[in-house]
Protein backbone atom coordinates (compact mmCIF):
# COMPACT_ATOMS: atom_id res chain seq x y z
CA MET A 1 29.78 -1.50 13.86
CA THR A 2 26.14 -0.07 15.71
CA LYS A 3 23.33 -0.95 13.64
CA GLN A 4 22.63 2.77 13.25
CA GLU A 5 25.95 2.99 11.23
CA ARG A 6 24.82 -0.16 9.37
CA TYR A 7 21.82 1.64 8.52
CA ALA A 8 23.43 5.03 7.53
CA GLY A 9 26.00 3.90 5.45
CA ILE A 10 23.27 1.15 3.70
CA LEU A 11 20.89 3.94 3.09
CA ASP A 12 22.92 6.16 1.87
CA TRP A 13 24.74 4.43 -0.99
CA PHE A 14 21.46 2.96 -1.68
CA SER A 15 19.91 6.57 -2.19
CA ARG A 16 23.16 7.77 -4.20
CA ASN A 17 23.42 4.70 -6.61
CA MET A 18 19.56 3.30 -7.20
CA GLN A 19 17.63 6.56 -7.61
CA ASP A 20 15.30 5.20 -9.86
CA ALA A 21 14.68 1.91 -8.13
CA GLN A 22 11.09 0.85 -9.17
CA THR A 23 8.62 -2.38 -9.45
CA GLU A 24 9.72 -4.62 -12.26
CA LEU A 25 5.99 -5.82 -12.18
CA GLN A 26 4.43 -3.79 -15.51
CA TYR A 27 0.92 -2.44 -15.00
CA ASP A 28 -1.17 0.61 -16.48
CA SER A 29 -3.79 1.17 -13.50
CA VAL A 30 -3.87 0.58 -9.91
CA PHE A 31 -6.14 -2.39 -10.29
CA HIS A 32 -3.61 -4.11 -12.64
CA LEU A 33 -1.05 -3.52 -10.37
CA LEU A 34 -2.90 -5.23 -7.34
CA ILE A 35 -3.92 -8.14 -9.98
CA ALA A 36 -0.26 -8.26 -10.89
CA VAL A 37 1.09 -8.60 -7.29
CA ILE A 38 -1.33 -11.29 -6.38
CA LEU A 39 0.26 -13.35 -9.49
CA SER A 40 3.79 -12.45 -8.54
CA ALA A 41 3.30 -15.08 -4.98
CA GLN A 42 5.71 -17.29 -5.38
CA CYS A 43 6.15 -16.54 -9.12
CA THR A 44 8.58 -14.40 -10.69
CA ASP A 45 8.17 -10.98 -11.83
CA ARG A 46 9.34 -12.35 -15.14
CA ARG A 47 6.74 -14.83 -15.77
CA VAL A 48 3.82 -12.67 -14.63
CA ASN A 49 4.83 -9.79 -17.09
CA MET A 50 4.80 -12.35 -19.77
CA HIS A 51 1.04 -13.09 -19.04
CA THR A 52 -0.17 -9.70 -17.71
CA PRO A 53 -1.13 -7.80 -21.01
CA GLU A 54 -3.70 -10.38 -22.10
CA ILE A 55 -5.26 -10.86 -18.76
CA PHE A 56 -5.39 -6.72 -18.64
CA ARG A 57 -7.16 -6.72 -21.94
CA LYS A 58 -9.47 -9.00 -20.61
CA TYR A 59 -9.99 -7.70 -17.63
CA PRO A 60 -9.93 -4.07 -17.59
CA THR A 61 -12.06 -3.21 -14.85
CA PRO A 62 -12.74 -4.69 -11.49
CA ALA A 63 -16.18 -5.07 -12.93
CA SER A 64 -15.50 -7.44 -15.72
CA LEU A 65 -13.38 -9.74 -13.20
CA ALA A 66 -16.03 -9.54 -10.80
CA GLY A 67 -18.58 -11.41 -13.52
CA ALA A 68 -15.68 -13.65 -14.74
CA ASP A 69 -15.74 -17.56 -14.30
CA VAL A 70 -13.31 -18.58 -11.90
CA ALA A 71 -12.47 -21.37 -13.99
CA ASP A 72 -12.07 -19.42 -17.24
CA VAL A 73 -9.33 -17.25 -15.41
CA ALA A 74 -7.84 -20.17 -13.84
CA GLN A 75 -7.44 -21.21 -17.53
CA ASP A 76 -5.57 -17.65 -18.36
CA ILE A 77 -2.94 -17.99 -15.81
CA LYS A 78 -2.32 -21.70 -16.15
CA SER A 79 0.87 -20.89 -16.60
CA ILE A 80 1.84 -19.14 -13.35
CA THR A 81 1.94 -20.70 -10.07
CA PHE A 82 -1.35 -22.04 -8.30
CA PRO A 83 -3.42 -20.85 -11.05
CA ASN A 84 -6.49 -22.20 -9.02
CA SER A 85 -6.35 -20.31 -5.84
CA LYS A 86 -5.08 -16.89 -7.56
CA ALA A 87 -8.22 -17.47 -10.10
CA SER A 88 -10.22 -17.42 -6.96
CA HIS A 89 -8.65 -14.85 -5.22
CA LEU A 90 -8.43 -12.40 -8.13
CA VAL A 91 -12.61 -12.91 -8.71
CA GLY A 92 -13.40 -12.56 -4.89
CA MET A 93 -10.74 -9.54 -4.89
CA ALA A 94 -12.21 -7.87 -7.78
CA GLN A 95 -16.20 -8.48 -6.60
CA MET A 96 -15.18 -7.34 -2.98
CA LEU A 97 -13.58 -3.97 -4.90
CA VAL A 98 -17.26 -3.77 -6.35
CA ASP A 99 -19.46 -4.61 -3.54
CA GLU A 100 -17.61 -2.70 -0.82
CA PHE A 101 -14.96 0.19 -2.52
CA GLY A 102 -16.91 1.32 -5.60
CA GLY A 103 -14.55 -0.33 -7.82
CA GLU A 104 -11.64 1.40 -6.64
CA VAL A 105 -8.38 0.31 -4.78
CA PRO A 106 -8.06 1.65 -1.15
CA SER A 107 -4.98 3.00 -0.04
CA ASP A 108 -5.18 1.45 3.23
CA PRO A 109 -2.98 -1.42 3.73
CA ASP A 110 -5.24 -2.46 6.54
CA LEU A 111 -8.58 -2.16 4.08
CA LEU A 112 -6.38 -3.81 1.51
CA THR A 113 -6.14 -6.58 3.32
CA LYS A 114 -9.19 -6.90 3.48
CA LEU A 115 -9.29 -8.68 -0.05
CA PRO A 116 -9.43 -12.22 -0.96
CA GLY A 117 -5.47 -12.57 -1.75
CA VAL A 118 -3.98 -9.62 -0.44
CA GLY A 119 -1.74 -10.58 2.47
CA ARG A 120 0.17 -7.85 4.26
CA LYS A 121 3.06 -7.88 1.85
CA THR A 122 0.79 -7.41 -1.11
CA ALA A 123 -0.90 -4.31 0.91
CA ASN A 124 2.41 -2.79 1.45
CA VAL A 125 3.55 -3.15 -2.08
CA ILE A 126 0.37 -1.23 -3.11
CA ALA A 127 0.26 0.95 -0.77
CA SER A 128 3.87 2.49 -1.04
CA VAL A 129 4.14 2.03 -5.09
CA VAL A 130 1.11 4.03 -5.77
CA TYR A 131 -0.13 6.04 -2.83
CA ASP A 132 3.71 6.57 -1.62
CA LYS A 133 2.62 5.09 1.69
CA PRO A 134 5.53 5.34 4.13
CA VAL A 135 5.36 1.55 4.68
CA ILE A 136 7.57 -1.42 3.99
CA ALA A 137 6.97 -4.50 2.14
CA VAL A 138 8.60 -7.61 3.03
CA ASP A 139 9.15 -10.64 0.66
CA THR A 140 11.43 -13.18 0.80
CA HIS A 141 14.07 -11.31 -0.91
CA VAL A 142 13.68 -8.17 1.69
CA PHE A 143 13.88 -10.46 4.39
CA ARG A 144 16.94 -12.55 3.48
CA VAL A 145 18.87 -9.11 2.55
CA ALA A 146 17.49 -7.45 5.56
CA ARG A 147 18.81 -10.62 8.10
CA ARG A 148 22.00 -11.28 5.92
CA THR A 149 23.40 -7.56 6.43
CA GLY A 150 22.06 -6.75 10.11
CA LEU A 151 19.24 -4.55 9.59
CA SER A 152 17.11 -6.77 11.29
CA GLY A 153 17.68 -9.65 13.47
CA GLY A 154 14.12 -10.54 13.35
CA LYS A 155 12.96 -13.73 12.84
CA THR A 156 9.53 -13.57 11.22
CA VAL A 157 8.30 -11.43 8.38
CA GLU A 158 6.16 -8.85 10.64
CA ALA A 159 9.21 -8.79 13.24
CA VAL A 160 11.41 -7.82 9.92
CA GLU A 161 9.00 -5.17 8.87
CA LYS A 162 8.93 -3.59 11.90
CA GLU A 163 12.58 -2.86 12.69
CA LEU A 164 13.10 -1.90 9.16
CA THR A 165 9.97 0.67 9.83
CA GLU A 166 11.64 1.86 13.14
CA ASN A 167 15.28 2.41 11.46
CA ILE A 168 14.25 3.76 7.99
CA PRO A 169 12.77 7.74 7.58
CA PRO A 170 9.62 7.65 6.57
CA GLN A 171 10.32 9.31 3.39
CA ASP A 172 13.09 6.43 2.35
CA ARG A 173 10.71 3.60 3.14
CA PRO A 174 8.32 3.53 -0.38
CA LYS A 175 11.78 3.47 -2.11
CA ALA A 176 13.62 1.18 0.52
CA HIS A 177 11.90 -1.92 -0.66
CA HIS A 178 12.77 -1.93 -4.22
CA TRP A 179 16.58 -1.28 -2.78
CA LEU A 180 16.37 -4.34 -1.01
CA ILE A 181 13.97 -5.92 -3.35
CA LEU A 182 16.59 -5.65 -6.20
CA HIS A 183 19.73 -6.15 -3.95
CA GLY A 184 18.31 -9.15 -3.24
CA ARG A 185 17.11 -10.15 -6.78
CA TYR A 186 20.36 -9.53 -8.49
CA VAL A 187 23.21 -9.57 -5.86
CA CYS A 188 22.07 -11.14 -2.34
CA THR A 189 20.50 -13.71 -4.20
CA ALA A 190 19.37 -16.88 -1.70
CA ARG A 191 22.37 -19.40 -3.54
CA LYS A 192 25.51 -18.01 -4.36
CA PRO A 193 25.54 -14.64 -3.36
CA SER A 194 27.88 -12.06 -5.24
CA CYS A 195 29.61 -11.05 -1.91
CA ASP A 196 32.90 -9.80 -3.97
CA ALA A 197 30.73 -7.53 -6.25
CA CYS A 198 28.80 -6.38 -3.55
CA GLU A 199 28.68 -2.23 -2.81
CA ILE A 200 27.20 -2.77 0.67
CA SER A 201 29.53 -5.51 1.70
CA ARG A 202 31.33 -3.05 3.57
CA TRP A 203 28.53 -2.51 6.08
CA CYS A 204 27.02 -6.12 5.84
CA GLU A 205 27.05 -8.12 9.36
CA SER A 206 27.66 -11.69 7.40
CA ARG A 207 30.91 -10.07 5.68
CA GLU A 208 31.89 -8.89 9.07
CA LYS A 209 31.82 -12.10 10.63
CA GLY A 210 32.95 -14.01 7.88
CA THR A 211 29.77 -15.81 6.97
CA ASP A 212 30.15 -17.76 3.91
CA LEU A 213 26.76 -17.30 2.66
CA SER A 214 27.03 -19.29 -0.22
CA LYS A 215 27.01 -22.58 1.93
CA THR A 216 24.00 -20.68 4.05
CA SER A 217 20.39 -21.70 2.85
CA GLU A 218 17.22 -19.44 3.70
CA ASN A 219 15.96 -21.68 6.43
CA GLU A 220 19.30 -21.69 8.45
CA LEU A 221 18.98 -18.08 8.38
CA GLU A 222 15.47 -18.18 9.33
CA LYS A 223 16.78 -20.17 12.54
């Protein structure tokens, strides 16, 4: 099977069967989505969603968060991974939004990455989810699914993002992030993937090669 056939089959299946795929992070504004995405680094969306309603209530605008004490914010998010560093990033992010962007979250990924705590993945999530920009956000789930299925042979996040971008039509890229992340979260999991129940297994390179993914760690995939 050629890579073009693999892409065509997988994208067609997702477009027909996951039309409503969207982020599982709950938010009510672009600013609050940015907070949620920063908090979700190495933390589950479910746990983030448990705490963000109170955080959103306490910090409704960039100005309100920009004036907050980092220690207070760390206390607010103490049940989320790395609360101290994330609190520092959140306050710094809000201060930069106020000082350099007029309190508005920019739509350009390159501008977004200037904000504290915002890497390329986070920037691409905001750009694609809110502004419908034709970019691909590659997190651990997207990286894993792309590598396992054969959509990409890249060994770095940047390489996988580049290959996905080159092969996925611009209009499909915002959705493709959600397709791949949800597939990785619920089907092609890091441990004990549900290969027998996988609807895209007919196009999967690992299945084609007979790879036992239940015995394959993510570290081994990255080699």
